[in-house]
Amino acid sequence: MAKGLKLISAFLGNTIKELRKKQSLSQEELAERAGIHRTFMSHVECGTRNITIYNLVKIAKALKVKPSILLLDIDEIA
């Protein structure tokens, strides 16, 4: 994974993790709500997986936020 992509993935993963924790959800609960595998969610939060727009939208819906919320301030690192 290229350095820029690693930074973006880590930023996105951290944003998802913060929102999940604010809602007192486990990774497993969030993954279930989003319809994705728990280990995939773990990789997303760790920034080791580059996710599709489709999965980004599924995670946003599971967190009950607009997908754009997950990308706020991402231009600061890109």
N, C-alpha and C. Protein backbone atom coordinates (compact mmCIF):
# COMPACT_ATOMS: atom_id res chain seq x y z
N MET A 1 0.85 -1.18 0.00
CA MET A 1 0.00 0.00 0.00
C MET A 1 0.90 1.24 0.00
N ALA A 2 0.61 2.20 -0.87
CA ALA A 2 1.40 3.43 -0.95
C ALA A 2 1.23 4.24 0.32
N LYS A 3 2.25 5.06 0.63
CA LYS A 3 2.25 5.83 1.87
C LYS A 3 1.01 6.71 2.02
N GLY A 4 0.63 7.43 0.95
CA GLY A 4 -0.56 8.29 1.01
C GLY A 4 -1.82 7.50 1.29
N LEU A 5 -1.92 6.33 0.64
CA LEU A 5 -3.09 5.48 0.84
C LEU A 5 -3.12 4.94 2.27
N LYS A 6 -1.96 4.61 2.82
CA LYS A 6 -1.88 4.14 4.21
C LYS A 6 -2.37 5.21 5.17
N LEU A 7 -1.96 6.46 4.93
CA LEU A 7 -2.38 7.56 5.80
C LEU A 7 -3.89 7.76 5.73
N ILE A 8 -4.43 7.72 4.52
CA ILE A 8 -5.87 7.90 4.34
C ILE A 8 -6.64 6.77 5.01
N SER A 9 -6.18 5.53 4.81
CA SER A 9 -6.84 4.38 5.41
C SER A 9 -6.79 4.45 6.94
N ALA A 10 -5.65 4.86 7.47
CA ALA A 10 -5.51 4.99 8.93
C ALA A 10 -6.42 6.09 9.46
N PHE A 11 -6.50 7.21 8.76
CA PHE A 11 -7.36 8.31 9.17
C PHE A 11 -8.82 7.87 9.18
N LEU A 12 -9.25 7.22 8.10
CA LEU A 12 -10.63 6.76 8.00
C LEU A 12 -10.94 5.75 9.09
N GLY A 13 -10.02 4.81 9.30
CA GLY A 13 -10.21 3.80 10.34
C GLY A 13 -10.34 4.42 11.71
N ASN A 14 -9.53 5.41 11.98
CA ASN A 14 -9.59 6.08 13.28
C ASN A 14 -10.91 6.83 13.45
N THR A 15 -11.38 7.45 12.40
CA THR A 15 -12.67 8.16 12.45
C THR A 15 -13.80 7.18 12.76
N ILE A 16 -13.80 6.05 12.08
CA ILE A 16 -14.82 5.03 12.30
C ILE A 16 -14.75 4.53 13.75
N LYS A 17 -13.56 4.27 14.22
CA LYS A 17 -13.36 3.77 15.59
C LYS A 17 -13.88 4.77 16.63
N GLU A 18 -13.56 6.05 16.43
CA GLU A 18 -14.02 7.08 17.37
C GLU A 18 -15.54 7.16 17.41
N LEU A 19 -16.18 7.13 16.23
CA LEU A 19 -17.63 7.19 16.17
C LEU A 19 -18.25 5.94 16.80
N ARG A 20 -17.66 4.80 16.55
CA ARG A 20 -18.15 3.55 17.13
C ARG A 20 -18.09 3.60 18.66
N LYS A 21 -16.97 4.06 19.19
CA LYS A 21 -16.81 4.13 20.64
C LYS A 21 -17.77 5.14 21.27
N LYS A 22 -18.02 6.26 20.58
CA LYS A 22 -18.97 7.24 21.10
C LYS A 22 -20.37 6.64 21.24
N GLN A 23 -20.66 5.66 20.39
CA GLN A 23 -21.97 5.02 20.44
C GLN A 23 -21.95 3.74 21.29
N SER A 24 -20.84 3.51 21.96
CA SER A 24 -20.66 2.34 22.84
C SER A 24 -20.94 1.02 22.11
N LEU A 25 -20.44 0.94 20.88
CA LEU A 25 -20.59 -0.28 20.09
C LEU A 25 -19.27 -1.04 20.06
N SER A 26 -19.35 -2.35 20.04
CA SER A 26 -18.16 -3.16 19.83
C SER A 26 -17.92 -3.25 18.31
N GLN A 27 -16.74 -3.68 17.93
CA GLN A 27 -16.47 -3.90 16.51
C GLN A 27 -17.45 -4.93 15.95
N GLU A 28 -17.71 -5.94 16.73
CA GLU A 28 -18.61 -7.00 16.29
C GLU A 28 -20.03 -6.46 16.06
N GLU A 29 -20.51 -5.62 16.97
CA GLU A 29 -21.84 -5.03 16.80
C GLU A 29 -21.91 -4.14 15.57
N LEU A 30 -20.89 -3.32 15.37
CA LEU A 30 -20.88 -2.46 14.20
C LEU A 30 -20.81 -3.27 12.92
N ALA A 31 -19.96 -4.29 12.90
CA ALA A 31 -19.84 -5.14 11.72
C ALA A 31 -21.18 -5.81 11.40
N GLU A 32 -21.85 -6.28 12.43
CA GLU A 32 -23.15 -6.93 12.22
C GLU A 32 -24.16 -5.95 11.64
N ARG A 33 -24.21 -4.75 12.20
CA ARG A 33 -25.13 -3.72 11.69
C ARG A 33 -24.83 -3.36 10.24
N ALA A 34 -23.54 -3.36 9.89
CA ALA A 34 -23.13 -2.98 8.54
C ALA A 34 -23.20 -4.15 7.56
N GLY A 35 -23.35 -5.36 8.08
CA GLY A 35 -23.41 -6.52 7.20
C GLY A 35 -22.05 -6.91 6.65
N ILE A 36 -21.01 -6.68 7.43
CA ILE A 36 -19.66 -7.06 7.02
C ILE A 36 -19.03 -7.93 8.12
N HIS A 37 -17.97 -8.61 7.79
CA HIS A 37 -17.33 -9.52 8.75
C HIS A 37 -16.57 -8.74 9.82
N ARG A 38 -16.58 -9.28 11.03
CA ARG A 38 -15.93 -8.63 12.17
C ARG A 38 -14.44 -8.41 11.93
N THR A 39 -13.76 -9.38 11.35
CA THR A 39 -12.32 -9.21 11.12
C THR A 39 -12.04 -8.14 10.06
N PHE A 40 -12.95 -8.02 9.09
CA PHE A 40 -12.80 -6.96 8.09
C PHE A 40 -12.91 -5.60 8.78
N MET A 41 -13.88 -5.48 9.70
CA MET A 41 -14.05 -4.22 10.43
C MET A 41 -12.80 -3.89 11.23
N SER A 42 -12.20 -4.89 11.83
CA SER A 42 -10.96 -4.69 12.58
C SER A 42 -9.86 -4.15 11.67
N HIS A 43 -9.73 -4.74 10.49
CA HIS A 43 -8.71 -4.29 9.54
C HIS A 43 -8.99 -2.85 9.07
N VAL A 44 -10.25 -2.52 8.88
CA VAL A 44 -10.62 -1.16 8.46
C VAL A 44 -10.21 -0.17 9.55
N GLU A 45 -10.54 -0.47 10.80
CA GLU A 45 -10.20 0.44 11.90
C GLU A 45 -8.69 0.56 12.10
N CYS A 46 -7.97 -0.49 11.79
CA CYS A 46 -6.50 -0.45 11.91
C CYS A 46 -5.85 0.24 10.71
N GLY A 47 -6.65 0.49 9.69
CA GLY A 47 -6.12 1.15 8.50
C GLY A 47 -5.34 0.24 7.57
N THR A 48 -5.55 -1.07 7.72
CA THR A 48 -4.81 -2.02 6.88
C THR A 48 -5.61 -2.50 5.68
N ARG A 49 -6.85 -2.05 5.55
CA ARG A 49 -7.68 -2.41 4.41
C ARG A 49 -8.15 -1.14 3.70
N ASN A 50 -8.10 -1.18 2.40
CA ASN A 50 -8.62 -0.10 1.57
C ASN A 50 -10.05 -0.50 1.21
N ILE A 51 -11.03 0.22 1.74
CA ILE A 51 -12.42 -0.20 1.55
C ILE A 51 -13.05 0.48 0.33
N THR A 52 -14.11 -0.15 -0.16
CA THR A 52 -14.84 0.40 -1.30
C THR A 52 -15.83 1.46 -0.81
N ILE A 53 -16.31 2.25 -1.74
CA ILE A 53 -17.35 3.24 -1.42
C ILE A 53 -18.58 2.52 -0.87
N TYR A 54 -18.90 1.39 -1.45
CA TYR A 54 -20.06 0.62 -1.01
C TYR A 54 -19.94 0.27 0.48
N ASN A 55 -18.79 -0.24 0.91
CA ASN A 55 -18.61 -0.57 2.32
C ASN A 55 -18.55 0.67 3.19
N LEU A 56 -18.01 1.76 2.68
CA LEU A 56 -18.00 3.02 3.42
C LEU A 56 -19.43 3.45 3.72
N VAL A 57 -20.31 3.34 2.73
CA VAL A 57 -21.72 3.71 2.92
C VAL A 57 -22.39 2.77 3.91
N LYS A 58 -22.11 1.48 3.83
CA LYS A 58 -22.70 0.51 4.77
C LYS A 58 -22.27 0.82 6.21
N ILE A 59 -21.01 1.16 6.40
CA ILE A 59 -20.51 1.48 7.73
C ILE A 59 -21.13 2.77 8.23
N ALA A 60 -21.22 3.77 7.36
CA ALA A 60 -21.84 5.04 7.74
C ALA A 60 -23.30 4.83 8.17
N LYS A 61 -24.04 4.04 7.40
CA LYS A 61 -25.44 3.76 7.77
C LYS A 61 -25.52 3.05 9.12
N ALA A 62 -24.61 2.12 9.34
CA ALA A 62 -24.59 1.39 10.62
C ALA A 62 -24.29 2.33 11.79
N LEU A 63 -23.49 3.37 11.53
CA LEU A 63 -23.17 4.37 12.55
C LEU A 63 -24.21 5.49 12.61
N LYS A 64 -25.16 5.45 11.68
CA LYS A 64 -26.23 6.45 11.59
C LYS A 64 -25.68 7.85 11.35
N VAL A 65 -24.71 7.92 10.43
CA VAL A 65 -24.15 9.20 10.00
C VAL A 65 -24.09 9.22 8.48
N LYS A 66 -23.98 10.39 7.91
CA LYS A 66 -23.79 10.51 6.47
C LYS A 66 -22.38 10.05 6.12
N PRO A 67 -22.20 9.42 4.97
CA PRO A 67 -20.86 8.97 4.58
C PRO A 67 -19.84 10.11 4.58
N SER A 68 -20.28 11.31 4.27
CA SER A 68 -19.35 12.45 4.24
C SER A 68 -18.75 12.73 5.61
N ILE A 69 -19.44 12.38 6.68
CA ILE A 69 -18.92 12.58 8.03
C ILE A 69 -17.64 11.77 8.23
N LEU A 70 -17.59 10.59 7.63
CA LEU A 70 -16.41 9.74 7.78
C LEU A 70 -15.20 10.31 7.05
N LEU A 71 -15.46 11.23 6.13
CA LEU A 71 -14.37 11.81 5.33
C LEU A 71 -14.04 13.25 5.68
N LEU A 72 -14.70 13.78 6.71
CA LEU A 72 -14.40 15.15 7.12
C LEU A 72 -12.92 15.30 7.45
N ASP A 73 -12.32 16.35 7.01
CA ASP A 73 -10.93 16.69 7.29
C ASP A 73 -9.90 15.75 6.65
N ILE A 74 -10.35 14.83 5.80
CA ILE A 74 -9.41 13.90 5.18
C ILE A 74 -8.48 14.62 4.20
N ASP A 75 -8.94 15.76 3.68
CA ASP A 75 -8.09 16.52 2.75
C ASP A 75 -6.86 17.10 3.41
N GLU A 76 -6.86 17.14 4.74
CA GLU A 76 -5.70 17.65 5.46
C GLU A 76 -4.50 16.70 5.36
N ILE A 77 -4.77 15.44 5.10
CA ILE A 77 -3.66 14.47 5.03
C ILE A 77 -3.41 13.95 3.62
N ALA A 78 -4.39 14.13 2.73
CA ALA A 78 -4.26 13.59 1.37
C ALA A 78 -3.34 14.43 0.51
